[in-house]
Structures are given as C-alpha cells and as structure tokens.
Protein backbone atom coordinates (compact mmCIF):
# COMPACT_ATOMS: atom_id res chain seq x y z
CA UNK A 1 -1.08 2.44 -12.61
CA UNK A 2 -1.55 0.61 -9.13
CA UNK A 3 -2.42 -2.42 -8.92
CA UNK A 4 -5.34 -3.24 -5.88
CA UNK A 5 -2.58 -2.58 -3.03
CA UNK A 6 -1.09 -4.46 -0.88
CA UNK A 7 -2.05 -6.96 0.02
CA UNK A 8 -1.42 -9.33 0.12
CA UNK A 9 -3.32 -9.93 2.95
CA UNK A 10 -6.15 -11.24 0.76
CA UNK A 11 -4.29 -12.69 -0.96
CA UNK A 12 -2.76 -14.50 1.06
CA UNK A 13 -5.38 -15.53 3.44
CA UNK A 14 -7.03 -16.98 0.09
CA UNK A 15 -4.08 -19.44 -1.31
CA UNK A 16 -3.85 -21.04 2.20
CA UNK A 17 -8.13 -21.31 2.35
CA UNK A 18 -9.07 -18.82 4.37
CA UNK A 19 -12.18 -15.68 3.43
CA UNK A 20 -11.41 -11.92 4.28
CA UNK A 21 -14.14 -9.64 5.02
CA UNK A 22 -15.22 -5.80 5.34
CA UNK A 23 -16.83 -4.56 7.94
CA UNK A 24 -18.01 -1.80 6.71
CA UNK A 25 -21.55 0.64 7.82
CA UNK A 26 -23.66 0.74 5.16
CA UNK A 27 -22.60 -0.56 1.81
CA UNK A 28 -25.01 -2.23 1.05
CA UNK A 29 -26.05 0.40 -1.31
CA UNK A 30 -29.14 0.79 0.47
CA UNK A 31 -29.73 4.17 2.80
CA UNK A 32 -29.26 3.95 6.24
CA UNK A 33 -31.76 5.13 8.36
CA UNK A 34 -29.65 8.52 9.25
CA UNK A 35 -28.60 8.89 5.91
CA UNK A 36 -29.57 12.47 4.19
CA UNK A 37 -27.29 14.82 2.25
CA UNK A 38 -26.67 18.11 3.49
CA UNK A 39 -24.45 18.68 7.44
CA UNK A 40 -27.66 16.92 8.60
CA UNK A 41 -26.71 13.63 7.43
CA UNK A 42 -26.02 11.18 10.05
CA UNK A 43 -23.39 8.81 7.51
CA UNK A 44 -20.28 9.93 6.51
CA UNK A 45 -19.02 8.56 3.32
CA UNK A 46 -15.69 6.88 3.05
CA UNK A 47 -14.13 6.47 -1.28
CA UNK A 48 -11.32 4.51 -1.09
CA UNK A 49 -9.65 1.51 -2.79
CA UNK A 50 -10.21 -1.84 -2.67
CA UNK A 51 -8.16 -2.60 0.11
CA UNK A 52 -9.22 -0.35 3.12
CA UNK A 53 -10.73 -2.60 5.97
CA UNK A 54 -11.47 -1.83 8.84
CA UNK A 55 -12.39 -4.34 11.74
CA UNK A 56 -16.76 -3.40 13.16
CA UNK A 57 -15.70 -3.27 16.73
CA UNK A 58 -14.27 0.20 15.42
CA UNK A 59 -15.91 1.30 12.94
CA UNK A 60 -19.08 0.63 15.84
CA UNK A 61 -16.60 3.24 18.01
CA UNK A 62 -16.50 5.71 15.66
CA UNK A 63 -20.01 5.62 15.61
CA UNK A 64 -20.43 5.79 19.30
CA UNK A 65 -18.09 8.24 19.81
CA UNK A 66 -19.18 11.09 16.64
CA UNK A 67 -22.85 9.21 15.90
CA UNK A 68 -21.53 9.07 12.36
CA UNK A 69 -22.06 5.43 10.44
CA UNK A 70 -19.61 5.07 8.19
CA UNK A 71 -20.44 4.36 4.82
CA UNK A 72 -17.29 2.61 3.18
CA UNK A 73 -17.87 3.24 -1.36
CA UNK A 74 -14.66 0.49 -2.46
CA UNK A 75 -13.65 2.02 -6.21
CA UNK A 76 -11.25 -0.70 -7.24
CA UNK A 77 -7.45 -0.02 -7.02
CA UNK A 78 -6.01 3.57 -6.06
CA UNK A 79 -5.74 4.90 -8.99
CA UNK A 80 -9.20 4.06 -10.85
CA UNK A 81 -9.90 5.59 -7.34
CA UNK A 82 -8.87 8.52 -7.57
CA UNK A 83 -9.93 9.25 -12.03
CA UNK A 84 -12.82 8.70 -10.40
CA UNK A 85 -12.97 11.65 -7.84
CA UNK A 86 -11.27 13.64 -10.28
CA UNK A 87 -13.44 12.90 -13.28
CA UNK A 88 -16.69 13.85 -10.87
CA UNK A 89 -14.61 17.00 -8.30
CA UNK A 90 -17.08 19.42 -6.68
CA UNK A 91 -19.34 17.00 -6.88
CA UNK A 92 -18.18 13.80 -4.91
CA UNK A 93 -18.88 10.38 -4.63
CA UNK A 94 -18.11 10.93 -0.76
CA UNK A 95 -17.26 13.02 1.70
CA UNK A 96 -13.42 11.35 2.09
CA UNK A 97 -10.88 10.22 0.30
CA UNK A 98 -8.39 7.08 1.32
CA UNK A 99 -5.65 5.67 -0.46
CA UNK A 100 -4.22 8.50 -2.57
CA UNK A 101 -0.32 7.64 -1.88
CA UNK A 102 2.74 9.66 -2.38
CA UNK A 103 3.26 7.41 -6.18
CA UNK A 104 -0.49 9.28 -6.92
CA UNK A 105 -0.74 12.65 -4.68
CA UNK A 106 0.38 15.28 -6.92
CA UNK A 107 -1.69 14.07 -9.31
CA UNK A 108 -4.94 14.50 -6.72
CA UNK A 109 -2.93 17.67 -5.51
CA UNK A 110 -2.87 19.24 -8.86
CA UNK A 111 -6.97 18.89 -9.91
CA UNK A 112 -7.94 20.77 -6.62
CA UNK A 113 -10.65 17.81 -5.55
CA UNK A 114 -9.72 18.45 -1.89
CA UNK A 115 -10.60 20.41 1.56
CA UNK A 116 -7.97 21.72 3.25
CA UNK A 117 -8.74 21.04 6.73
CA UNK A 118 -6.19 19.71 9.36
CA UNK A 119 -7.26 16.76 11.22
CA UNK A 120 -7.11 16.45 15.14
CA UNK A 121 -3.96 14.51 16.20
CA UNK A 122 -1.50 15.19 13.78
CA UNK A 123 0.89 16.67 16.24
CA UNK A 124 1.77 13.47 17.36
CA UNK A 125 2.37 12.37 13.20
CA UNK A 126 5.97 12.80 11.99
CA UNK A 127 6.81 15.65 10.12
CA UNK A 128 8.45 13.89 7.43
CA UNK A 129 5.44 12.35 6.81
CA UNK A 130 2.77 15.83 7.28
CA UNK A 131 3.99 16.03 3.29
CA UNK A 132 1.63 18.56 3.17
CA UNK A 133 1.54 20.60 6.43
CA UNK A 134 1.05 24.42 4.93
CA UNK A 135 -1.85 23.71 3.10
CA UNK A 136 -2.98 20.01 5.11
CA UNK A 137 -5.12 19.05 2.56
CA UNK A 138 -3.88 15.35 2.66
CA UNK A 139 -3.83 13.60 6.21
CA UNK A 140 -1.18 10.67 6.52
CA UNK A 141 -2.46 7.38 7.20
CA UNK A 142 -0.27 4.58 6.89
CA UNK A 143 3.14 3.73 5.90
CA UNK A 144 4.40 0.44 4.01
CA UNK A 145 8.17 -0.50 2.38
CA UNK A 146 7.83 -2.30 -1.25
CA UNK A 147 11.29 -4.96 -0.77
CA UNK A 148 12.07 -7.59 -2.61
CA UNK A 149 11.35 -10.56 -0.54
CA UNK A 150 13.09 -13.98 -0.73
CA UNK A 151 12.52 -18.20 0.51
CA UNK A 152 13.73 -19.21 2.22
CA UNK A 153 14.57 -22.17 2.36
CA UNK A 154 15.47 -21.94 -0.59
CA UNK A 155 18.56 -20.20 0.20
CA UNK A 156 19.05 -22.43 2.51
CA UNK A 157 19.39 -25.22 0.73
CA UNK A 158 21.30 -23.89 -1.58
CA UNK A 159 24.05 -22.51 0.79
CA UNK A 160 23.24 -19.25 -0.63
CA UNK A 161 22.79 -16.22 1.41
CA UNK A 162 19.73 -13.95 0.03
CA UNK A 163 20.79 -10.83 -1.01
CA UNK A 164 20.18 -7.79 0.61
CA UNK A 165 20.73 -4.54 -1.72
CA UNK A 166 20.29 -3.17 -5.58
CA UNK A 167 23.32 -3.80 -5.55
CA UNK A 168 22.29 -7.93 -4.86
CA UNK A 169 20.48 -8.23 -7.55
CA UNK A 170 22.56 -7.77 -10.23
CA UNK A 171 24.98 -10.27 -9.35
CA UNK A 172 25.75 -13.48 -11.40
CA UNK A 173 24.70 -15.96 -8.50
CA UNK A 174 21.04 -15.07 -8.01
CA UNK A 175 20.60 -14.77 -12.06
CA UNK A 176 17.00 -16.52 -12.74
CA UNK A 177 16.61 -16.12 -9.01
CA UNK A 178 13.59 -12.75 -8.70
CA UNK A 179 10.57 -12.25 -10.81
CA UNK A 180 9.47 -8.53 -10.00
CA UNK A 181 5.62 -6.76 -11.78
CA UNK A 182 4.59 -4.13 -14.61
CA UNK A 183 5.70 -0.63 -13.79
CA UNK A 184 2.69 0.31 -15.88
CA UNK A 185 0.64 -1.86 -13.97
CA UNK A 186 1.70 -2.33 -10.33
CA UNK A 187 1.40 -0.10 -7.63
CA UNK A 188 4.98 -2.79 -6.25
CA UNK A 189 5.99 -2.70 -10.09
CA UNK A 190 6.39 1.30 -9.79
CA UNK A 191 7.50 1.42 -6.00
CA UNK A 192 10.15 -1.16 -6.83
CA UNK A 193 11.06 1.24 -9.82
CA UNK A 194 11.14 4.33 -7.89
CA UNK A 195 14.08 2.64 -5.42
CA UNK A 196 16.09 1.84 -7.91
CA UNK A 197 15.46 5.50 -9.40
CA UNK A 198 15.93 7.19 -6.23
CA UNK A 199 18.94 4.79 -5.03
CA UNK A 200 21.57 5.64 -8.86
CA UNK A 201 19.45 8.53 -10.31
CA UNK A 202 18.06 10.04 -12.85
CA UNK A 203 20.84 8.79 -15.69
CA UNK A 204 22.18 5.17 -13.18
CA UNK A 205 18.91 3.90 -12.71
CA UNK A 206 18.81 2.69 -16.48
CA UNK A 207 21.90 1.07 -16.85
CA UNK A 208 20.92 -0.73 -13.60
CA UNK A 209 17.32 -1.88 -15.18
CA UNK A 210 19.98 -3.42 -18.24
CA UNK A 211 21.79 -5.50 -16.25
CA UNK A 212 18.84 -6.26 -13.99
CA UNK A 213 17.03 -7.50 -17.31
CA UNK A 214 20.44 -9.23 -18.65
CA UNK A 215 20.34 -11.19 -15.01
CA UNK A 216 17.52 -12.80 -15.87
CA UNK A 217 14.72 -10.93 -14.27
CA UNK A 218 11.12 -11.68 -15.03
CA UNK A 219 8.84 -9.50 -15.97
CA UNK A 220 4.69 -10.33 -14.88
CA UNK A 221 1.82 -8.09 -14.30
CA UNK A 222 0.58 -7.57 -10.84
CA UNK A 223 1.74 -8.90 -7.80
CA UNK A 224 -0.85 -11.66 -7.32
CA UNK A 225 1.04 -13.39 -10.70
CA UNK A 226 4.15 -13.10 -8.77
CA UNK A 227 3.25 -13.36 -5.55
CA UNK A 228 1.04 -16.06 -5.42
CA UNK A 229 2.50 -17.86 -8.65
CA UNK A 230 5.68 -17.35 -9.84
CA UNK A 231 7.48 -17.08 -6.38
CA UNK A 232 8.45 -20.37 -4.22
CA UNK A 233 8.36 -18.89 -1.10
CA UNK A 234 4.54 -18.11 -0.16
CA UNK A 235 1.73 -20.76 -0.09
CA UNK A 236 -0.36 -20.28 -3.33
CA UNK A 237 3.96 -19.77 -4.84
CA UNK A 238 4.28 -23.12 -3.57
CA UNK A 239 0.58 -24.41 -4.49
CA UNK A 240 1.81 -23.14 -8.09
CA UNK A 241 5.06 -25.00 -7.90
CA UNK A 242 6.75 -21.41 -8.73
CA UNK A 243 10.48 -21.76 -9.52
CA UNK A 244 11.21 -18.37 -8.61
CA UNK A 245 12.81 -17.53 -5.56
CA UNK A 246 13.09 -14.20 -5.37
CA UNK A 247 9.86 -11.40 -5.43
CA UNK A 248 8.90 -8.02 -5.28
CA UNK A 249 6.04 -7.77 -2.73
CA UNK A 250 6.08 -5.93 0.91
CA UNK A 251 8.22 -6.19 4.18
CA UNK A 252 4.62 -6.62 5.78
CA UNK A 253 4.26 -9.50 3.62
CA UNK A 254 6.30 -12.30 5.86
CA UNK A 255 3.88 -11.18 9.07
CA UNK A 256 0.57 -12.61 6.70
CA UNK A 257 2.86 -15.68 5.84
CA UNK A 258 2.42 -16.79 9.17
CA UNK A 259 -0.60 -15.64 10.91
CA UNK A 260 -3.32 -16.56 8.00
CA UNK A 261 -0.95 -20.08 8.12
CA UNK A 262 -2.75 -23.02 10.33
CA UNK A 263 -1.02 -24.67 11.45
CA UNK A 264 0.90 -21.70 12.19
CA UNK A 265 5.10 -21.72 11.44
CA UNK A 266 7.37 -20.53 14.58
CA UNK A 267 8.90 -18.47 12.12
CA UNK A 268 7.94 -16.63 8.64
CA UNK A 269 9.27 -18.44 5.40
CA UNK A 270 10.08 -16.13 3.83
CA UNK A 271 12.32 -12.40 4.78
CA UNK A 272 12.76 -8.99 3.55
CA UNK A 273 16.27 -7.19 1.93
CA UNK A 274 16.03 -4.31 3.47
CA UNK A 275 17.99 -2.98 1.41
CA UNK A 276 15.60 -3.18 -1.17
CA UNK A 277 12.89 -0.71 0.02
CA UNK A 278 11.15 2.05 -1.36
CA UNK A 279 8.88 4.02 1.24
CA UNK A 280 4.68 3.74 0.06
CA UNK A 281 2.72 6.78 2.83
CA UNK A 282 -0.74 6.61 2.33
CA UNK A 283 -3.09 9.87 2.56
CA UNK A 284 -6.66 10.67 3.27
CA UNK A 285 -8.39 14.27 1.69
CA UNK A 286 -12.03 15.91 3.27
CA UNK A 287 -13.45 16.03 -0.27
CA UNK A 288 -14.58 19.45 -2.13
CA UNK A 289 -18.28 19.29 -2.09
CA UNK A 290 -18.76 16.81 -0.13
CA UNK A 291 -22.33 16.73 1.41
CA UNK A 292 -21.07 15.73 5.27
CA UNK A 293 -18.74 18.11 6.09
CA UNK A 294 -18.36 17.99 9.62
CA UNK A 295 -18.93 13.91 9.05
CA UNK A 296 -16.40 14.17 7.21
CA UNK A 297 -14.13 16.25 9.83
CA UNK A 298 -14.54 13.87 12.21
CA UNK A 299 -12.91 10.46 10.23
CA UNK A 300 -10.36 12.07 9.61
CA UNK A 301 -9.66 13.09 13.05
CA UNK A 302 -10.32 9.64 13.94
CA UNK A 303 -7.86 7.88 10.36
CA UNK A 304 -5.09 9.11 12.63
CA UNK A 305 -6.50 8.35 16.37
CA UNK A 306 -4.60 5.38 18.85
CA UNK A 307 -7.83 3.73 18.08
CA UNK A 308 -7.51 3.34 14.89
CA UNK A 309 -4.31 3.10 14.11
CA UNK A 310 -3.89 -0.03 15.69
CA UNK A 311 -5.87 -1.97 14.74
CA UNK A 312 -4.80 -1.04 11.32
CA UNK A 313 -2.32 -3.32 11.23
CA UNK A 314 -3.59 -6.51 11.12
CA UNK A 315 -6.86 -5.22 9.01
CA UNK A 316 -4.56 -3.45 6.24
CA UNK A 317 -0.88 -4.80 6.70
CA UNK A 318 0.93 -1.11 7.18
CA UNK A 319 1.93 0.72 9.36
CA UNK A 320 0.53 3.13 11.33
CA UNK A 321 2.09 7.28 11.14
CA UNK A 322 0.65 7.92 14.91
CA UNK A 323 3.86 7.44 17.37
CA UNK A 324 1.64 6.43 20.48
CA UNK A 325 0.28 3.49 18.09
CA UNK A 326 1.07 0.03 18.66
CA UNK A 327 2.46 -2.45 15.88
CA UNK A 328 0.92 -5.59 16.70
CA UNK A 329 3.44 -8.99 17.91
CA UNK A 330 3.49 -10.33 14.98
CA UNK A 331 4.75 -7.26 12.74
CA UNK A 332 7.50 -7.26 15.78
CA UNK A 333 8.45 -11.10 15.26
CA UNK A 334 8.10 -11.77 11.75
CA UNK A 335 8.25 -9.10 10.25
CA UNK A 336 11.35 -6.08 9.44
CA UNK A 337 12.55 -3.09 10.80
CA UNK A 338 12.91 -0.86 7.44
CA UNK A 339 14.99 1.82 8.09
CA UNK A 340 16.69 3.26 5.04
CA UNK A 341 13.94 3.51 2.64
CA UNK A 342 13.95 5.20 -0.92
CA UNK A 343 11.67 7.60 -1.09
CA UNK A 344 11.37 10.29 -3.85
CA UNK A 345 9.43 13.39 -4.32
CA UNK A 346 6.06 13.62 -4.84
CA UNK A 347 6.72 16.27 -7.34
CA UNK A 348 9.59 14.99 -8.94
CA UNK A 349 6.99 11.41 -9.31
CA UNK A 350 4.85 13.65 -10.36
CA UNK A 351 6.97 15.07 -12.90
CA UNK A 352 8.86 12.50 -13.93
CA UNK A 353 6.95 9.86 -14.02
CA UNK A 354 4.66 9.72 -17.35
CA UNK A 355 7.97 9.08 -19.01
CA UNK A 356 9.84 6.99 -16.59
CA UNK A 357 7.34 4.44 -17.28
CA UNK A 358 8.22 4.46 -21.05
CA UNK A 359 11.60 4.13 -20.63
CA UNK A 360 11.67 1.91 -18.61
CA UNK A 361 9.13 -0.41 -20.56
CA UNK A 362 11.52 0.01 -23.76
CA UNK A 363 14.02 -0.65 -21.81
CA UNK A 364 12.89 -4.25 -20.79
CA UNK A 365 9.95 -5.32 -21.92
CA UNK A 366 11.35 -5.03 -25.43
C-alpha cells in the first residue's frame, strides 16, 4: 500500500540531474569475509524499504565500534518489504527490519515477526513515539510529516494567500489547485486521508472528501507523478509544466528543493501548509529467528545513537527521534516546524484501514 517512501530526496535530486548513492556494506549479494550463519557472524543484515540510506562514514563507525559490517537488503516499498518478512516469519532474510511505520505497525506486531529487545538509549526518545514501550518489539527511529506543499510563486503572482488548513482546501479560491495521491497505492496519499480522519472523525472525513472532490482535487497513482509532474512548484514539475500549485508531499520537501538545487536559492521555492499534516513514525525491530541476534541488537542500539540520528535527516529527509540529536541547519532554515501534526492510533488504523480505503475509493474515484 505504501509507495517507496518519502523520498523525495532521491526523486528531487533526479529531477535536478543529480545522482544519489546509497551506502551499505556488503550489499552486492556476495559473502563478505566474516559472513557466516549463526551468532559468530560479523555481518548484520538490515532488511528495509528502498529509501533507507546512511552515509558511508557512519556505517564504518558502526563497524569500528562493534566489529559488525552492515549489509542492507532493500526490498521495495515498505508494505512489500513487510509482507515478505511476514511470509518468511521464523526464517527471516535478515536480522533487523527497518521501515515499518504507524500505518502498518499493527500488521507486523499481529504477525509476531519481532523478538522483543529494549534498545540502549531509549531514555533519549520521547515516550509518545514509543508506542510499544511495554513490550519493546519495535524501536522508533524517525518521524516525518505528510503535508500539503504549495508553490510560492504561483500564490504570490495571484496575490492569493496559500491555504494553511484542511478547511482551507475546500474553499472556492483553491478550486482545481490540489493534486494528491491514490490512498490505495501511495503512502502520502494514505497519510493525507488519515489526517482527514483525525481532523473530522469517523463520519465527518467522508463529507470532507466529497467537498474536496467537488472542489476539483486531482488524484494520481503516486508521489512521483504528483510531485515531479503535476506540481508546479517542484524542479521536476517546472520542467513538466505542471499546473497544480498544491500537492500532498512532506514537510521536508522544501529543504530538499534547496539542497539539491544548483545554484542554491536563498529560500525554498515551496512552502508547507502546516495545518494539513499527518505524523508518520518509522520503527525497526529484531527479526524473530535472526541468525545474528547479537549483531541485530547492536544495530538497533546504533540506529538511535546520536551519530546515526544526526546523519539521518540529510540521508532520508526525516526527523530524528532522539532528543539530543541536532537537525541540520537546512531543515531549520528552509523547512517548516510542525507542532500540531495529526495522528491516528495504530490499532485504530489496523481495524479500519481496509474499509477506509474502500470507502475513499468509492467516494473519490467513481
């Protein structure tokens, strides 16, 4: 259900003609010199969605600190990667799984694919993101906000204030301006719909989407098309002559537009409607049946270490969960600080997700 995650970073970079590289040890599928099955292995395998990235110096620091080399096994989008681990429960393809978020978490927990482990350093992580803190089956690693982004130039040229809330998006002045992603096929699309559920309740969200449809919302399959083709404010959208100045994307998209631009602008060309955001939290867990359990535990400790947490924002364009981790200045200068992001409890998502998607599809796509 979830598209290949936010980033956006790689897609924005590609739109600007820049190549981004993932850094991972032993990821070519060949056995490394210390790799062997069992607890004596010096390789620890991280199974992840395609958007995992970490800088080479940080992964080397983990090796120097622990003696373990990280092998990253990327497995498509988060939903597909999780499904593979559910199918191989008890005989996992790796030692640690990274990338299950709060929209999919209950599926992972209900299927029992993780071995409980309380990672070292959790006292530095706020309690509100430790949703499994009584059992420690998963460890929170990062957060991100799905929000409507807007094209600053469009609204300045039209002398029109950009929308800032869900309510604004159904006003006549914003008719035919928004493009969003299909809830059934896209992570940001699903997150935006869940944000409307949090805002308007179990019944009210359906009326909201009827109004949004009447106001000309455009729905496309995924983030790539919405952001880099239809959205007029992105680098890719400008090249494609996109005509929608509002798009469902991420709060971290404006910094990415600056970081990958050449020459770099003095301010981001896009802004964030801060009253339209839904908070995602991503987790990692020790896979049940892991061949290198000791290495997996060491990797979980490292994922919430200050070193990894401070490297993560510019690698995956997400926010650290550790309270002592500083965010890069580009996030502070060009991004939006989201203080009122909507959330929906993982168990409520699990109970209602499939029906919500069906209802949304019947309301919006027909």
